[in-house]
Amino acid sequence: MTDLNKEREAFLNAFQYYKGRRDIIFSHEHELFMTRSNNPSEVAQKEISNMNSRWDAWLRCAKHRDAELEKAKAQAVQQSFEIGRLQDRITELLDERQDLYAQINNDQAVPDTQQKLTDTYYLEGSDYVVDCPFEYDIEIDKGEVLELQKWQRTESTKVYFANIYKDEDNFEILQFASKAEAENAVAENLKFLEASESGAEQ
């Protein structure tokens, strides 16, 4: 909040004129300078008008400055709160890291439920690996088997994918552990589709 008396004093000190003039007073109600005279001269009216113009500009600057200070204080409080939260999180992470180091040093095995192996897939001839085989822009034709390399950490194994059709238009891409398993599933699926088509023709 802007202190009007403090600002008026600073304003009057900055503009040394009007010191000692007893005909000029300050109205707290209107927040401006006035003359005591009921019938001020034209020069006095101009002086008061100029003084009030400068005072108005001074006061607007002071209020803006005070608002900016309040805003900066509020931001500082918010930032210090966020910094405190970040420091707490850093402490938690450091504790977790220390626990992991202790666990490693004590040769404690991580339970299977906590192991998270990341699978990656590679399509021969491709320039990149993917986390999910469906990220490749590939089409598997009816009856076709597609071979991909699958890695878990550093181990690479081959996996096989094929479209298994529910009907002529709807299919699901399934993963198989071996090429023979995939080919058997495709052969069975083709028989199913042929039987469905011959049944539909009758």
N, C-alpha and C. Protein backbone atom coordinates (compact mmCIF):
# COMPACT_ATOMS: atom_id res chain seq x y z
N MET A 1 0.85 -1.18 0.00
CA MET A 1 0.00 0.00 0.00
C MET A 1 0.89 1.24 0.00
N THR A 2 0.54 2.21 -0.83
CA THR A 2 1.33 3.43 -0.96
C THR A 2 1.03 4.37 0.20
N ASP A 3 2.08 4.85 0.86
CA ASP A 3 1.94 5.81 1.95
C ASP A 3 1.90 7.21 1.35
N LEU A 4 0.71 7.84 1.39
CA LEU A 4 0.50 9.14 0.74
C LEU A 4 1.38 10.23 1.34
N ASN A 5 1.48 10.28 2.67
CA ASN A 5 2.29 11.32 3.33
C ASN A 5 3.76 11.19 2.95
N LYS A 6 4.25 9.96 2.93
CA LYS A 6 5.65 9.71 2.58
C LYS A 6 5.91 10.12 1.13
N GLU A 7 4.99 9.80 0.24
CA GLU A 7 5.15 10.16 -1.17
C GLU A 7 5.06 11.67 -1.36
N ARG A 8 4.15 12.33 -0.64
CA ARG A 8 4.01 13.79 -0.76
C ARG A 8 5.29 14.48 -0.30
N GLU A 9 5.86 13.98 0.81
CA GLU A 9 7.11 14.55 1.33
C GLU A 9 8.25 14.35 0.32
N ALA A 10 8.34 13.14 -0.26
CA ALA A 10 9.38 12.88 -1.26
C ALA A 10 9.18 13.75 -2.49
N PHE A 11 7.92 13.94 -2.89
CA PHE A 11 7.60 14.78 -4.05
C PHE A 11 8.02 16.22 -3.79
N LEU A 12 7.66 16.74 -2.63
CA LEU A 12 7.99 18.14 -2.31
C LEU A 12 9.50 18.33 -2.18
N ASN A 13 10.22 17.32 -1.67
CA ASN A 13 11.68 17.41 -1.58
C ASN A 13 12.32 17.36 -2.96
N ALA A 14 11.73 16.59 -3.86
CA ALA A 14 12.28 16.48 -5.21
C ALA A 14 12.10 17.79 -5.97
N PHE A 15 10.95 18.43 -5.81
CA PHE A 15 10.68 19.71 -6.46
C PHE A 15 10.78 20.80 -5.39
N GLN A 16 11.92 21.41 -5.29
CA GLN A 16 12.20 22.33 -4.18
C GLN A 16 11.32 23.57 -4.17
N TYR A 17 10.67 23.89 -5.28
CA TYR A 17 9.82 25.06 -5.27
C TYR A 17 8.61 24.82 -4.38
N TYR A 18 7.89 25.82 -4.10
CA TYR A 18 6.71 25.84 -3.23
C TYR A 18 7.06 25.67 -1.75
N LYS A 19 8.34 25.58 -1.43
CA LYS A 19 8.69 25.49 0.00
C LYS A 19 8.40 26.83 0.65
N GLY A 20 7.79 26.76 1.75
CA GLY A 20 7.51 27.98 2.50
C GLY A 20 6.26 28.70 2.04
N ARG A 21 5.62 28.21 0.99
CA ARG A 21 4.39 28.87 0.55
C ARG A 21 3.25 28.37 1.42
N ARG A 22 2.61 29.30 2.08
CA ARG A 22 1.55 28.92 3.01
C ARG A 22 0.18 28.87 2.34
N ASP A 23 0.10 29.35 1.11
CA ASP A 23 -1.21 29.36 0.45
C ASP A 23 -1.52 28.03 -0.25
N ILE A 24 -0.52 27.11 -0.28
CA ILE A 24 -0.75 25.81 -0.91
C ILE A 24 -0.91 24.76 0.19
N ILE A 25 -2.00 23.98 0.07
CA ILE A 25 -2.25 22.90 1.03
C ILE A 25 -2.48 21.59 0.25
N PHE A 26 -2.43 20.49 0.98
CA PHE A 26 -2.66 19.18 0.35
C PHE A 26 -3.97 18.62 0.88
N SER A 27 -4.87 18.19 -0.03
CA SER A 27 -6.15 17.61 0.35
C SER A 27 -6.02 16.08 0.31
N HIS A 28 -6.12 15.47 1.48
CA HIS A 28 -6.06 14.00 1.55
C HIS A 28 -7.31 13.37 0.92
N GLU A 29 -8.40 14.08 1.03
CA GLU A 29 -9.66 13.58 0.47
C GLU A 29 -9.57 13.45 -1.05
N HIS A 30 -9.02 14.47 -1.70
CA HIS A 30 -8.93 14.48 -3.17
C HIS A 30 -7.56 14.04 -3.68
N GLU A 31 -6.60 13.85 -2.78
CA GLU A 31 -5.23 13.46 -3.12
C GLU A 31 -4.59 14.42 -4.11
N LEU A 32 -4.76 15.74 -3.83
CA LEU A 32 -4.10 16.73 -4.68
C LEU A 32 -3.84 18.02 -3.91
N PHE A 33 -3.04 18.89 -4.54
CA PHE A 33 -2.69 20.16 -3.92
C PHE A 33 -3.74 21.21 -4.29
N MET A 34 -4.01 22.12 -3.31
CA MET A 34 -5.00 23.17 -3.50
C MET A 34 -4.45 24.47 -2.92
N THR A 35 -5.11 25.54 -3.28
CA THR A 35 -4.73 26.83 -2.69
C THR A 35 -5.74 27.17 -1.60
N ARG A 36 -5.26 27.89 -0.60
CA ARG A 36 -6.15 28.30 0.49
C ARG A 36 -7.05 29.45 0.05
N SER A 37 -6.59 30.15 -0.94
CA SER A 37 -7.30 31.35 -1.37
C SER A 37 -8.60 30.98 -2.06
N ASN A 38 -9.65 31.75 -1.76
CA ASN A 38 -10.93 31.54 -2.43
C ASN A 38 -10.91 32.11 -3.84
N ASN A 39 -10.03 33.07 -4.05
CA ASN A 39 -9.96 33.73 -5.34
C ASN A 39 -8.50 33.79 -5.79
N PRO A 40 -7.88 32.61 -6.18
CA PRO A 40 -6.47 32.61 -6.54
C PRO A 40 -6.23 33.29 -7.89
N SER A 41 -5.04 33.86 -8.03
CA SER A 41 -4.69 34.52 -9.29
C SER A 41 -4.52 33.46 -10.39
N GLU A 42 -4.49 33.93 -11.62
CA GLU A 42 -4.33 33.02 -12.76
C GLU A 42 -2.99 32.31 -12.68
N VAL A 43 -1.95 33.01 -12.24
CA VAL A 43 -0.61 32.43 -12.10
C VAL A 43 -0.64 31.33 -11.03
N ALA A 44 -1.29 31.59 -9.91
CA ALA A 44 -1.38 30.61 -8.82
C ALA A 44 -2.15 29.37 -9.29
N GLN A 45 -3.23 29.60 -10.06
CA GLN A 45 -4.00 28.46 -10.59
C GLN A 45 -3.14 27.59 -11.51
N LYS A 46 -2.33 28.27 -12.36
CA LYS A 46 -1.44 27.53 -13.26
C LYS A 46 -0.41 26.75 -12.47
N GLU A 47 0.15 27.39 -11.44
CA GLU A 47 1.15 26.72 -10.60
C GLU A 47 0.55 25.47 -9.94
N ILE A 48 -0.64 25.61 -9.39
CA ILE A 48 -1.31 24.48 -8.73
C ILE A 48 -1.60 23.39 -9.76
N SER A 49 -2.08 23.78 -10.94
CA SER A 49 -2.39 22.81 -11.99
C SER A 49 -1.13 22.04 -12.41
N ASN A 50 -0.02 22.76 -12.61
CA ASN A 50 1.25 22.11 -12.96
C ASN A 50 1.72 21.18 -11.84
N MET A 51 1.59 21.68 -10.63
CA MET A 51 2.02 20.89 -9.48
C MET A 51 1.20 19.59 -9.38
N ASN A 52 -0.12 19.69 -9.59
CA ASN A 52 -0.98 18.51 -9.51
C ASN A 52 -0.73 17.54 -10.66
N SER A 53 -0.38 18.06 -11.84
CA SER A 53 -0.04 17.17 -12.97
C SER A 53 1.20 16.36 -12.62
N ARG A 54 2.20 17.06 -12.08
CA ARG A 54 3.42 16.35 -11.68
C ARG A 54 3.15 15.39 -10.53
N TRP A 55 2.32 15.83 -9.59
CA TRP A 55 1.98 14.99 -8.45
C TRP A 55 1.24 13.72 -8.91
N ASP A 56 0.30 13.89 -9.85
CA ASP A 56 -0.45 12.75 -10.37
C ASP A 56 0.51 11.73 -11.01
N ALA A 57 1.43 12.23 -11.83
CA ALA A 57 2.41 11.34 -12.47
C ALA A 57 3.29 10.66 -11.42
N TRP A 58 3.72 11.45 -10.42
CA TRP A 58 4.56 10.91 -9.34
C TRP A 58 3.82 9.79 -8.60
N LEU A 59 2.55 10.06 -8.27
CA LEU A 59 1.76 9.12 -7.49
C LEU A 59 1.49 7.83 -8.28
N ARG A 60 1.19 7.98 -9.59
CA ARG A 60 0.98 6.79 -10.42
C ARG A 60 2.24 5.93 -10.46
N CYS A 61 3.39 6.58 -10.59
CA CYS A 61 4.67 5.84 -10.59
C CYS A 61 4.89 5.13 -9.25
N ALA A 62 4.59 5.84 -8.17
CA ALA A 62 4.78 5.26 -6.83
C ALA A 62 3.86 4.06 -6.63
N LYS A 63 2.60 4.18 -7.06
CA LYS A 63 1.65 3.07 -6.91
C LYS A 63 2.07 1.88 -7.78
N HIS A 64 2.53 2.18 -8.99
CA HIS A 64 3.00 1.11 -9.88
C HIS A 64 4.22 0.42 -9.27
N ARG A 65 5.14 1.23 -8.74
CA ARG A 65 6.34 0.67 -8.10
C ARG A 65 5.96 -0.24 -6.93
N ASP A 66 5.03 0.24 -6.10
CA ASP A 66 4.61 -0.56 -4.94
C ASP A 66 3.91 -1.85 -5.37
N ALA A 67 3.10 -1.77 -6.43
CA ALA A 67 2.42 -2.97 -6.93
C ALA A 67 3.45 -3.98 -7.45
N GLU A 68 4.46 -3.48 -8.16
CA GLU A 68 5.52 -4.36 -8.67
C GLU A 68 6.30 -5.00 -7.52
N LEU A 69 6.54 -4.23 -6.46
CA LEU A 69 7.24 -4.77 -5.30
C LEU A 69 6.43 -5.88 -4.64
N GLU A 70 5.12 -5.65 -4.50
CA GLU A 70 4.25 -6.68 -3.91
C GLU A 70 4.24 -7.94 -4.77
N LYS A 71 4.17 -7.73 -6.08
CA LYS A 71 4.17 -8.86 -7.01
C LYS A 71 5.48 -9.63 -6.90
N ALA A 72 6.60 -8.90 -6.84
CA ALA A 72 7.91 -9.54 -6.72
C ALA A 72 8.02 -10.32 -5.41
N LYS A 73 7.47 -9.74 -4.33
CA LYS A 73 7.50 -10.45 -3.04
C LYS A 73 6.69 -11.74 -3.12
N ALA A 74 5.50 -11.67 -3.74
CA ALA A 74 4.65 -12.86 -3.88
C ALA A 74 5.36 -13.93 -4.71
N GLN A 75 6.02 -13.51 -5.80
CA GLN A 75 6.76 -14.47 -6.63
C GLN A 75 7.91 -15.08 -5.85
N ALA A 76 8.59 -14.26 -5.06
CA ALA A 76 9.71 -14.76 -4.27
C ALA A 76 9.24 -15.82 -3.28
N VAL A 77 8.07 -15.57 -2.66
CA VAL A 77 7.52 -16.54 -1.71
C VAL A 77 7.19 -17.84 -2.45
N GLN A 78 6.53 -17.72 -3.63
CA GLN A 78 6.18 -18.91 -4.42
C GLN A 78 7.43 -19.66 -4.85
N GLN A 79 8.45 -18.93 -5.33
CA GLN A 79 9.68 -19.58 -5.77
C GLN A 79 10.38 -20.27 -4.61
N SER A 80 10.40 -19.62 -3.45
CA SER A 80 11.07 -20.26 -2.31
C SER A 80 10.31 -21.52 -1.89
N PHE A 81 8.97 -21.51 -2.03
CA PHE A 81 8.18 -22.71 -1.75
C PHE A 81 8.54 -23.82 -2.73
N GLU A 82 8.61 -23.47 -4.03
CA GLU A 82 8.95 -24.47 -5.05
C GLU A 82 10.37 -24.98 -4.85
N ILE A 83 11.29 -24.09 -4.51
CA ILE A 83 12.67 -24.50 -4.26
C ILE A 83 12.71 -25.47 -3.08
N GLY A 84 11.92 -25.18 -2.05
CA GLY A 84 11.85 -26.08 -0.90
C GLY A 84 11.35 -27.46 -1.29
N ARG A 85 10.31 -27.50 -2.15
CA ARG A 85 9.79 -28.79 -2.62
C ARG A 85 10.83 -29.53 -3.44
N LEU A 86 11.54 -28.80 -4.31
CA LEU A 86 12.59 -29.43 -5.12
C LEU A 86 13.71 -29.97 -4.25
N GLN A 87 14.08 -29.20 -3.23
CA GLN A 87 15.15 -29.67 -2.33
C GLN A 87 14.72 -30.95 -1.60
N ASP A 88 13.44 -31.00 -1.20
CA ASP A 88 12.93 -32.22 -0.56
C ASP A 88 13.00 -33.40 -1.51
N ARG A 89 12.61 -33.18 -2.77
CA ARG A 89 12.64 -34.26 -3.76
C ARG A 89 14.07 -34.72 -4.04
N ILE A 90 15.00 -33.77 -4.11
CA ILE A 90 16.41 -34.11 -4.32
C ILE A 90 16.91 -34.97 -3.17
N THR A 91 16.54 -34.60 -1.95
CA THR A 91 16.94 -35.38 -0.78
C THR A 91 16.38 -36.80 -0.87
N GLU A 92 15.11 -36.93 -1.28
CA GLU A 92 14.51 -38.26 -1.44
C GLU A 92 15.27 -39.08 -2.47
N LEU A 93 15.59 -38.46 -3.60
CA LEU A 93 16.31 -39.18 -4.66
C LEU A 93 17.70 -39.59 -4.22
N LEU A 94 18.37 -38.71 -3.48
CA LEU A 94 19.70 -39.06 -2.97
C LEU A 94 19.61 -40.23 -1.99
N ASP A 95 18.57 -40.23 -1.15
CA ASP A 95 18.37 -41.35 -0.23
C ASP A 95 18.12 -42.65 -1.00
N GLU A 96 17.29 -42.56 -2.05
CA GLU A 96 17.02 -43.75 -2.86
C GLU A 96 18.30 -44.26 -3.51
N ARG A 97 19.12 -43.34 -4.02
CA ARG A 97 20.38 -43.74 -4.65
C ARG A 97 21.29 -44.41 -3.63
N GLN A 98 21.34 -43.84 -2.44
CA GLN A 98 22.18 -44.42 -1.38
C GLN A 98 21.69 -45.83 -1.04
N ASP A 99 20.36 -46.02 -0.97
CA ASP A 99 19.80 -47.35 -0.71
C ASP A 99 20.17 -48.33 -1.82
N LEU A 100 20.13 -47.86 -3.07
CA LEU A 100 20.49 -48.73 -4.19
C LEU A 100 21.96 -49.12 -4.12
N TYR A 101 22.83 -48.16 -3.80
CA TYR A 101 24.26 -48.47 -3.65
C TYR A 101 24.46 -49.51 -2.56
N ALA A 102 23.76 -49.32 -1.44
CA ALA A 102 23.88 -50.28 -0.33
C ALA A 102 23.39 -51.65 -0.77
N GLN A 103 22.32 -51.67 -1.52
CA GLN A 103 21.77 -52.93 -2.00
C GLN A 103 22.75 -53.62 -2.95
N ILE A 104 23.35 -52.87 -3.83
CA ILE A 104 24.33 -53.43 -4.77
C ILE A 104 25.55 -53.95 -4.01
N ASN A 105 26.04 -53.15 -3.07
CA ASN A 105 27.22 -53.55 -2.31
C ASN A 105 26.98 -54.77 -1.44
N ASN A 106 25.74 -54.95 -1.00
CA ASN A 106 25.41 -56.13 -0.19
C ASN A 106 24.99 -57.31 -1.05
N ASP A 107 25.08 -57.15 -2.38
CA ASP A 107 24.71 -58.21 -3.33
C ASP A 107 23.29 -58.70 -3.10
N GLN A 108 22.42 -57.79 -2.74
CA GLN A 108 21.03 -58.18 -2.56
C GLN A 108 20.37 -58.23 -3.93
N ALA A 109 19.77 -59.36 -4.23
CA ALA A 109 19.11 -59.50 -5.53
C ALA A 109 17.82 -58.71 -5.53
N VAL A 110 17.54 -58.09 -6.65
CA VAL A 110 16.29 -57.37 -6.79
C VAL A 110 15.20 -58.39 -7.09
N PRO A 111 14.10 -58.38 -6.35
CA PRO A 111 13.03 -59.35 -6.59
C PRO A 111 12.53 -59.27 -8.03
N ASP A 112 12.07 -60.44 -8.56
CA ASP A 112 11.59 -60.49 -9.94
C ASP A 112 10.49 -59.48 -10.21
N THR A 113 9.69 -59.21 -9.19
CA THR A 113 8.58 -58.28 -9.38
C THR A 113 9.08 -56.87 -9.65
N GLN A 114 10.32 -56.57 -9.27
CA GLN A 114 10.86 -55.23 -9.47
C GLN A 114 11.69 -55.12 -10.75
N GLN A 115 12.01 -56.25 -11.38
CA GLN A 115 12.82 -56.18 -12.60
C GLN A 115 11.94 -55.74 -13.75
N LYS A 116 12.44 -54.75 -14.46
CA LYS A 116 11.71 -54.27 -15.63
C LYS A 116 12.65 -54.35 -16.82
N LEU A 117 12.45 -55.38 -17.62
CA LEU A 117 13.26 -55.55 -18.82
C LEU A 117 12.58 -54.81 -19.96
N THR A 118 13.35 -54.01 -20.65
CA THR A 118 12.79 -53.26 -21.77
C THR A 118 13.03 -54.03 -23.05
N ASP A 119 11.96 -54.33 -23.77
CA ASP A 119 12.07 -55.00 -25.06
C ASP A 119 12.27 -53.97 -26.15
N THR A 120 13.16 -54.28 -27.09
CA THR A 120 13.28 -53.48 -28.30
C THR A 120 13.23 -54.42 -29.49
N TYR A 121 12.77 -53.90 -30.61
CA TYR A 121 12.58 -54.70 -31.81
C TYR A 121 13.36 -54.08 -32.96
N TYR A 122 13.86 -54.96 -33.86
CA TYR A 122 14.59 -54.50 -35.03
C TYR A 122 14.11 -55.26 -36.26
N LEU A 123 13.73 -54.53 -37.29
CA LEU A 123 13.32 -55.09 -38.57
C LEU A 123 14.52 -55.03 -39.49
N GLU A 124 14.93 -56.18 -40.02
CA GLU A 124 16.12 -56.23 -40.86
C GLU A 124 15.99 -55.24 -42.01
N GLY A 125 17.07 -54.47 -42.21
CA GLY A 125 17.07 -53.45 -43.26
C GLY A 125 16.59 -52.09 -42.78
N SER A 126 16.08 -52.05 -41.54
CA SER A 126 15.60 -50.77 -41.00
C SER A 126 16.77 -49.99 -40.43
N ASP A 127 16.60 -48.68 -40.31
CA ASP A 127 17.65 -47.82 -39.77
C ASP A 127 17.54 -47.62 -38.27
N TYR A 128 16.55 -48.19 -37.63
CA TYR A 128 16.34 -47.92 -36.21
C TYR A 128 15.63 -49.09 -35.53
N VAL A 129 15.70 -49.08 -34.20
CA VAL A 129 14.96 -50.06 -33.41
C VAL A 129 13.77 -49.34 -32.78
N VAL A 130 12.77 -50.12 -32.40
CA VAL A 130 11.57 -49.54 -31.80
C VAL A 130 11.21 -50.29 -30.52
N ASP A 131 10.42 -49.65 -29.68
CA ASP A 131 9.97 -50.28 -28.43
C ASP A 131 8.77 -51.19 -28.67
N CYS A 132 8.06 -50.94 -29.76
CA CYS A 132 6.87 -51.73 -30.08
C CYS A 132 6.92 -52.04 -31.58
N PRO A 133 6.71 -53.29 -31.98
CA PRO A 133 6.83 -53.65 -33.40
C PRO A 133 5.87 -52.88 -34.30
N PHE A 134 4.77 -52.41 -33.74
CA PHE A 134 3.79 -51.71 -34.55
C PHE A 134 4.21 -50.28 -34.87
N GLU A 135 5.37 -49.83 -34.34
CA GLU A 135 5.89 -48.51 -34.68
C GLU A 135 6.51 -48.51 -36.07
N TYR A 136 6.88 -49.70 -36.59
CA TYR A 136 7.36 -49.78 -37.96
C TYR A 136 6.18 -49.61 -38.91
N ASP A 137 6.43 -48.95 -40.01
CA ASP A 137 5.40 -48.77 -41.02
C ASP A 137 5.43 -49.99 -41.93
N ILE A 138 4.80 -51.07 -41.49
CA ILE A 138 4.87 -52.34 -42.21
C ILE A 138 3.47 -52.87 -42.48
N GLU A 139 3.37 -53.64 -43.55
CA GLU A 139 2.12 -54.34 -43.85
C GLU A 139 2.45 -55.82 -43.97
N ILE A 140 1.70 -56.63 -43.27
CA ILE A 140 1.89 -58.07 -43.35
C ILE A 140 0.71 -58.61 -44.16
N ASP A 141 1.01 -59.19 -45.30
CA ASP A 141 -0.05 -59.72 -46.15
C ASP A 141 -0.63 -61.00 -45.55
N LYS A 142 -1.81 -61.33 -46.02
CA LYS A 142 -2.48 -62.54 -45.56
C LYS A 142 -1.58 -63.74 -45.86
N GLY A 143 -1.34 -64.56 -44.85
CA GLY A 143 -0.51 -65.74 -45.02
C GLY A 143 0.98 -65.48 -44.91
N GLU A 144 1.40 -64.21 -44.67
CA GLU A 144 2.82 -63.87 -44.60
C GLU A 144 3.29 -63.87 -43.15
N VAL A 145 4.54 -64.27 -42.93
CA VAL A 145 5.16 -64.24 -41.61
C VAL A 145 6.30 -63.24 -41.67
N LEU A 146 6.39 -62.36 -40.69
CA LEU A 146 7.43 -61.33 -40.65
C LEU A 146 8.39 -61.64 -39.52
N GLU A 147 9.68 -61.57 -39.79
CA GLU A 147 10.70 -61.87 -38.79
C GLU A 147 11.31 -60.57 -38.28
N LEU A 148 11.37 -60.42 -36.96
CA LEU A 148 12.00 -59.27 -36.31
C LEU A 148 13.00 -59.77 -35.28
N GLN A 149 13.98 -58.95 -34.98
CA GLN A 149 14.89 -59.23 -33.87
C GLN A 149 14.30 -58.58 -32.62
N LYS A 150 14.29 -59.30 -31.53
CA LYS A 150 13.79 -58.76 -30.27
C LYS A 150 14.92 -58.81 -29.26
N TRP A 151 15.18 -57.66 -28.59
CA TRP A 151 16.24 -57.59 -27.58
C TRP A 151 15.64 -57.29 -26.22
N GLN A 152 16.18 -57.98 -25.22
CA GLN A 152 15.90 -57.63 -23.83
C GLN A 152 17.25 -57.29 -23.24
N ARG A 153 17.42 -56.03 -22.93
CA ARG A 153 18.72 -55.52 -22.50
C ARG A 153 19.75 -55.82 -23.58
N THR A 154 20.63 -56.80 -23.39
CA THR A 154 21.66 -57.07 -24.40
C THR A 154 21.42 -58.38 -25.13
N GLU A 155 20.37 -59.10 -24.79
CA GLU A 155 20.11 -60.40 -25.41
C GLU A 155 19.19 -60.22 -26.61
N SER A 156 19.52 -60.85 -27.71
CA SER A 156 18.73 -60.75 -28.93
C SER A 156 18.12 -62.11 -29.25
N THR A 157 16.83 -62.14 -29.50
CA THR A 157 16.15 -63.36 -29.94
C THR A 157 15.24 -62.99 -31.10
N LYS A 158 14.94 -63.99 -31.93
CA LYS A 158 14.03 -63.74 -33.04
C LYS A 158 12.61 -63.99 -32.57
N VAL A 159 11.73 -63.12 -33.01
CA VAL A 159 10.31 -63.31 -32.76
C VAL A 159 9.61 -63.20 -34.10
N TYR A 160 8.43 -63.75 -34.18
CA TYR A 160 7.72 -63.82 -35.45
C TYR A 160 6.33 -63.23 -35.29
N PHE A 161 5.90 -62.51 -36.30
CA PHE A 161 4.59 -61.87 -36.28
C PHE A 161 3.81 -62.31 -37.51
N ALA A 162 2.52 -62.44 -37.35
CA ALA A 162 1.64 -62.78 -38.47
C ALA A 162 0.26 -62.21 -38.22
N ASN A 163 -0.45 -61.95 -39.31
CA ASN A 163 -1.85 -61.52 -39.22
C ASN A 163 -2.72 -62.75 -39.06
N ILE A 164 -3.54 -62.76 -38.06
CA ILE A 164 -4.51 -63.83 -37.87
C ILE A 164 -5.89 -63.21 -38.09
N TYR A 165 -6.56 -63.65 -39.15
CA TYR A 165 -7.83 -63.05 -39.57
C TYR A 165 -9.01 -63.68 -38.86
N LYS A 166 -9.94 -62.82 -38.43
CA LYS A 166 -11.21 -63.29 -37.86
C LYS A 166 -12.21 -63.47 -38.99
N ASP A 167 -12.13 -62.59 -39.98
CA ASP A 167 -12.89 -62.71 -41.22
C ASP A 167 -12.08 -62.01 -42.31
N GLU A 168 -12.65 -61.81 -43.47
CA GLU A 168 -11.90 -61.27 -44.62
C GLU A 168 -11.28 -59.90 -44.32
N ASP A 169 -11.94 -59.08 -43.50
CA ASP A 169 -11.48 -57.71 -43.27
C ASP A 169 -10.83 -57.47 -41.91
N ASN A 170 -11.14 -58.27 -40.92
CA ASN A 170 -10.67 -58.02 -39.56
C ASN A 170 -9.59 -59.02 -39.17
N PHE A 171 -8.48 -58.47 -38.69
CA PHE A 171 -7.37 -59.34 -38.29
C PHE A 171 -6.66 -58.74 -37.08
N GLU A 172 -5.81 -59.57 -36.50
CA GLU A 172 -5.00 -59.17 -35.36
C GLU A 172 -3.57 -59.57 -35.66
N ILE A 173 -2.60 -58.71 -35.35
CA ILE A 173 -1.20 -59.07 -35.53
C ILE A 173 -0.74 -59.71 -34.23
N LEU A 174 -0.30 -60.98 -34.31
CA LEU A 174 0.10 -61.71 -33.11
C LEU A 174 1.59 -62.05 -33.17
N GLN A 175 2.18 -62.17 -32.00
CA GLN A 175 3.60 -62.52 -31.87
C GLN A 175 3.72 -64.00 -31.54
N PHE A 176 4.71 -64.67 -32.17
CA PHE A 176 4.95 -66.09 -31.94
C PHE A 176 6.40 -66.30 -31.55
N ALA A 177 6.65 -67.32 -30.74
CA ALA A 177 8.00 -67.59 -30.24
C ALA A 177 8.88 -68.24 -31.30
N SER A 178 8.28 -69.00 -32.23
CA SER A 178 9.09 -69.67 -33.26
C SER A 178 8.44 -69.49 -34.62
N LYS A 179 9.26 -69.68 -35.66
CA LYS A 179 8.75 -69.55 -37.02
C LYS A 179 7.73 -70.66 -37.30
N ALA A 180 8.00 -71.87 -36.82
CA ALA A 180 7.09 -73.00 -37.02
C ALA A 180 5.73 -72.72 -36.39
N GLU A 181 5.76 -72.16 -35.18
CA GLU A 181 4.51 -71.83 -34.48
C GLU A 181 3.72 -70.79 -35.28
N ALA A 182 4.42 -69.79 -35.82
CA ALA A 182 3.76 -68.76 -36.62
C ALA A 182 3.19 -69.35 -37.90
N GLU A 183 3.98 -70.19 -38.58
CA GLU A 183 3.52 -70.80 -39.83
C GLU A 183 2.33 -71.72 -39.59
N ASN A 184 2.35 -72.48 -38.51
CA ASN A 184 1.20 -73.34 -38.16
C ASN A 184 -0.05 -72.51 -37.92
N ALA A 185 0.11 -71.39 -37.18
CA ALA A 185 -1.04 -70.53 -36.90
C ALA A 185 -1.59 -69.93 -38.18
N VAL A 186 -0.68 -69.52 -39.09
CA VAL A 186 -1.11 -68.95 -40.37
C VAL A 186 -1.84 -70.01 -41.20
N ALA A 187 -1.28 -71.23 -41.26
CA ALA A 187 -1.91 -72.31 -42.02
C ALA A 187 -3.31 -72.61 -41.47
N GLU A 188 -3.43 -72.70 -40.16
CA GLU A 188 -4.73 -72.95 -39.53
C GLU A 188 -5.70 -71.82 -39.85
N ASN A 189 -5.18 -70.60 -39.82
CA ASN A 189 -6.02 -69.44 -40.08
C ASN A 189 -6.50 -69.43 -41.53
N LEU A 190 -5.62 -69.81 -42.48
CA LEU A 190 -6.02 -69.88 -43.89
C LEU A 190 -7.10 -70.94 -44.11
N LYS A 191 -6.95 -72.09 -43.44
CA LYS A 191 -7.98 -73.14 -43.52
C LYS A 191 -9.31 -72.61 -42.99
N PHE A 192 -9.25 -71.90 -41.87
CA PHE A 192 -10.45 -71.32 -41.27
C PHE A 192 -11.12 -70.36 -42.24
N LEU A 193 -10.32 -69.50 -42.89
CA LEU A 193 -10.88 -68.52 -43.82
C LEU A 193 -11.49 -69.20 -45.04
N GLU A 194 -10.81 -70.24 -45.57
CA GLU A 194 -11.33 -70.97 -46.73
C GLU A 194 -12.65 -71.65 -46.37
N ALA A 195 -12.70 -72.23 -45.19
CA ALA A 195 -13.93 -72.88 -44.74
C ALA A 195 -15.05 -71.85 -44.59
N SER A 196 -14.70 -70.69 -44.07
CA SER A 196 -15.70 -69.63 -43.90
C SER A 196 -16.22 -69.15 -45.24
N GLU A 197 -15.31 -69.01 -46.23
CA GLU A 197 -15.71 -68.55 -47.56
C GLU A 197 -16.59 -69.58 -48.26
N SER A 198 -16.20 -70.87 -48.17
CA SER A 198 -17.00 -71.91 -48.83
C SER A 198 -18.37 -72.04 -48.15
N GLY A 199 -18.41 -71.84 -46.85
CA GLY A 199 -19.68 -71.87 -46.11
C GLY A 199 -20.56 -70.70 -46.50
N ALA A 200 -19.96 -69.55 -46.78
CA ALA A 200 -20.72 -68.37 -47.16
C ALA A 200 -21.28 -68.50 -48.57
N GLU A 201 -20.57 -69.25 -49.47
CA GLU A 201 -21.02 -69.42 -50.85
C GLU A 201 -22.22 -70.36 -50.94
N GLN A 202 -22.33 -71.30 -50.02
CA GLN A 202 -23.43 -72.28 -50.06
C GLN A 202 -24.63 -71.66 -49.50
